[in-house]
């Protein structure tokens, strides 16, 4: 972190109380990720942080599982060998990016953030992605 700039990629829209997204969603993310992995990660290492919304069960464990599953998913889907995942953390319902009082807010808070040492912020919204695929 030379200049203290850490960017992140946010993947949001996990099903309530589930540690990973379903198959269709995975396919959608996979295509995005392949593009991102090749274009987006010029850096050799990053951290993955999982989050839950505040109404979910076992928030800390669940958020960690989300981070771990995402790491696994990246590795299985073309993560370059020279890229290291230095940390996987679950932060429960800490640092919400939206309100926990609405369905949409909670949806946004159920997320995984991939922290990049040098990249651009990219948001992947799973349901928007699916709608795009359906419309094509």
Protein backbone atom coordinates (compact mmCIF):
# COMPACT_ATOMS: atom_id res chain seq x y z
CA UNK A 1 0.00 0.00 0.00
CA UNK A 2 2.53 2.52 -1.15
CA UNK A 3 0.20 5.46 -1.59
CA UNK A 4 -2.40 4.16 0.83
CA UNK A 5 -4.86 3.70 -2.00
CA UNK A 6 -6.84 0.50 -1.80
CA UNK A 7 -9.64 0.07 -4.27
CA UNK A 8 -12.25 -2.62 -4.15
CA UNK A 9 -14.55 -4.71 -6.18
CA UNK A 10 -17.95 -5.29 -4.59
CA UNK A 11 -20.08 -8.32 -5.32
CA UNK A 12 -23.49 -7.90 -3.75
CA UNK A 13 -26.77 -9.74 -3.62
CA UNK A 14 -26.12 -12.95 -1.74
CA UNK A 15 -29.26 -14.93 -0.82
CA UNK A 16 -30.30 -14.44 2.83
CA UNK A 17 -28.44 -16.74 5.22
CA UNK A 18 -26.62 -18.43 2.32
CA UNK A 19 -22.87 -18.45 1.95
CA UNK A 20 -22.83 -18.56 -1.82
CA UNK A 21 -24.92 -17.63 -4.80
CA UNK A 22 -26.76 -20.17 -6.91
CA UNK A 23 -25.59 -21.77 -10.16
CA UNK A 24 -27.15 -19.32 -12.57
CA UNK A 25 -25.72 -16.42 -10.64
CA UNK A 26 -22.34 -18.13 -10.52
CA UNK A 27 -22.32 -18.44 -14.28
CA UNK A 28 -23.10 -14.75 -14.56
CA UNK A 29 -20.39 -13.76 -12.10
CA UNK A 30 -17.95 -16.12 -13.75
CA UNK A 31 -18.11 -14.25 -17.02
CA UNK A 32 -17.65 -10.93 -15.28
CA UNK A 33 -14.83 -12.32 -13.18
CA UNK A 34 -12.93 -13.74 -16.11
CA UNK A 35 -12.93 -10.32 -17.65
CA UNK A 36 -12.03 -8.63 -14.39
CA UNK A 37 -9.29 -11.07 -13.48
CA UNK A 38 -7.54 -10.46 -16.71
CA UNK A 39 -8.07 -6.76 -17.06
CA UNK A 40 -8.48 -5.54 -13.57
CA UNK A 41 -5.87 -7.22 -11.43
CA UNK A 42 -2.50 -5.87 -12.34
CA UNK A 43 -1.53 -6.42 -8.74
CA UNK A 44 -0.25 -9.58 -7.20
CA UNK A 45 -2.30 -9.70 -4.04
CA UNK A 46 -5.63 -8.80 -2.57
CA UNK A 47 -7.89 -9.41 0.41
CA UNK A 48 -11.43 -10.69 0.41
CA UNK A 49 -13.89 -9.45 3.03
CA UNK A 50 -17.38 -10.89 3.47
CA UNK A 51 -20.34 -9.09 5.00
CA UNK A 52 -23.86 -9.96 6.15
CA UNK A 53 -26.92 -7.84 6.68
CA UNK A 54 -27.79 -7.28 10.31
CA UNK A 55 -30.84 -9.57 10.33
CA UNK A 56 -29.02 -12.69 9.13
CA UNK A 57 -28.11 -15.60 11.42
CA UNK A 58 -24.51 -16.33 12.47
CA UNK A 59 -23.36 -13.13 10.82
CA UNK A 60 -19.67 -13.47 11.59
CA UNK A 61 -19.39 -17.06 10.45
CA UNK A 62 -21.61 -16.46 7.42
CA UNK A 63 -19.63 -13.43 6.29
CA UNK A 64 -16.36 -15.34 6.60
CA UNK A 65 -17.82 -18.26 4.62
CA UNK A 66 -18.86 -15.82 1.90
CA UNK A 67 -15.29 -14.54 1.65
CA UNK A 68 -13.86 -18.07 1.62
CA UNK A 69 -16.31 -19.35 -0.98
CA UNK A 70 -15.57 -16.35 -3.18
CA UNK A 71 -11.83 -17.06 -2.91
CA UNK A 72 -12.43 -20.68 -3.86
CA UNK A 73 -14.62 -19.60 -6.74
CA UNK A 74 -11.96 -17.21 -8.04
CA UNK A 75 -9.30 -19.90 -7.88
CA UNK A 76 -11.50 -22.35 -9.74
CA UNK A 77 -12.36 -19.80 -12.38
CA UNK A 78 -9.12 -18.63 -13.79
CA UNK A 79 -7.47 -16.62 -11.06
CA UNK A 80 -3.92 -16.20 -12.29
CA UNK A 81 -1.41 -18.26 -10.33
CA UNK A 82 0.72 -15.21 -9.61
CA UNK A 83 -2.11 -13.51 -7.76
CA UNK A 84 -2.23 -14.18 -4.04
CA UNK A 85 -5.19 -13.86 -1.77
CA UNK A 86 -3.46 -12.59 1.35
CA UNK A 87 -6.44 -12.50 3.70
CA UNK A 88 -10.01 -13.67 3.98
CA UNK A 89 -12.06 -11.95 6.64
CA UNK A 90 -15.68 -11.98 7.75
CA UNK A 91 -16.90 -8.72 9.24
CA UNK A 92 -20.47 -9.69 10.00
CA UNK A 93 -22.78 -6.70 9.63
CA UNK A 94 -20.04 -4.11 10.23
CA UNK A 95 -19.56 -1.21 7.77
CA UNK A 96 -22.94 -1.46 6.02
CA UNK A 97 -22.98 0.30 2.66
CA UNK A 98 -26.75 0.79 2.87
CA UNK A 99 -29.59 0.82 5.39
CA UNK A 100 -30.61 -2.45 7.05
CA UNK A 101 -34.20 -1.21 7.25
CA UNK A 102 -35.25 -2.02 3.69
CA UNK A 103 -35.10 -5.18 1.59
CA UNK A 104 -32.95 -3.43 -0.99
CA UNK A 105 -30.62 -2.05 1.66
CA UNK A 106 -30.11 -5.47 3.19
CA UNK A 107 -29.56 -6.92 -0.28
CA UNK A 108 -26.75 -4.41 -0.83
CA UNK A 109 -25.19 -5.21 2.55
CA UNK A 110 -24.98 -8.94 1.80
CA UNK A 111 -21.78 -8.66 -0.12
CA UNK A 112 -18.18 -9.62 -0.64
CA UNK A 113 -15.53 -6.97 -1.18
CA UNK A 114 -12.31 -7.75 -2.98
CA UNK A 115 -9.71 -5.21 -1.90
CA UNK A 116 -7.17 -4.43 -4.56
CA UNK A 117 -3.87 -2.73 -3.96
CA UNK A 118 -4.15 -1.02 -7.33
CA UNK A 119 -7.27 -1.31 -9.38
CA UNK A 120 -10.49 0.48 -10.04
CA UNK A 121 -13.70 0.10 -8.11
CA UNK A 122 -16.09 -2.24 -9.84
CA UNK A 123 -19.49 -3.25 -8.55
CA UNK A 124 -21.19 -6.43 -9.58
CA UNK A 125 -24.85 -6.57 -8.74
CA UNK A 126 -25.92 -10.15 -9.14
CA UNK A 127 -29.59 -9.51 -9.93
CA UNK A 128 -28.82 -6.78 -12.49
CA UNK A 129 -26.35 -9.11 -14.14
CA UNK A 130 -28.99 -11.82 -14.38
CA UNK A 131 -31.52 -9.46 -15.89
CA UNK A 132 -29.02 -8.40 -18.52
CA UNK A 133 -28.35 -12.02 -19.41
CA UNK A 134 -32.07 -12.72 -19.71
CA UNK A 135 -32.59 -9.76 -22.00
CA UNK A 136 -29.81 -10.68 -24.39
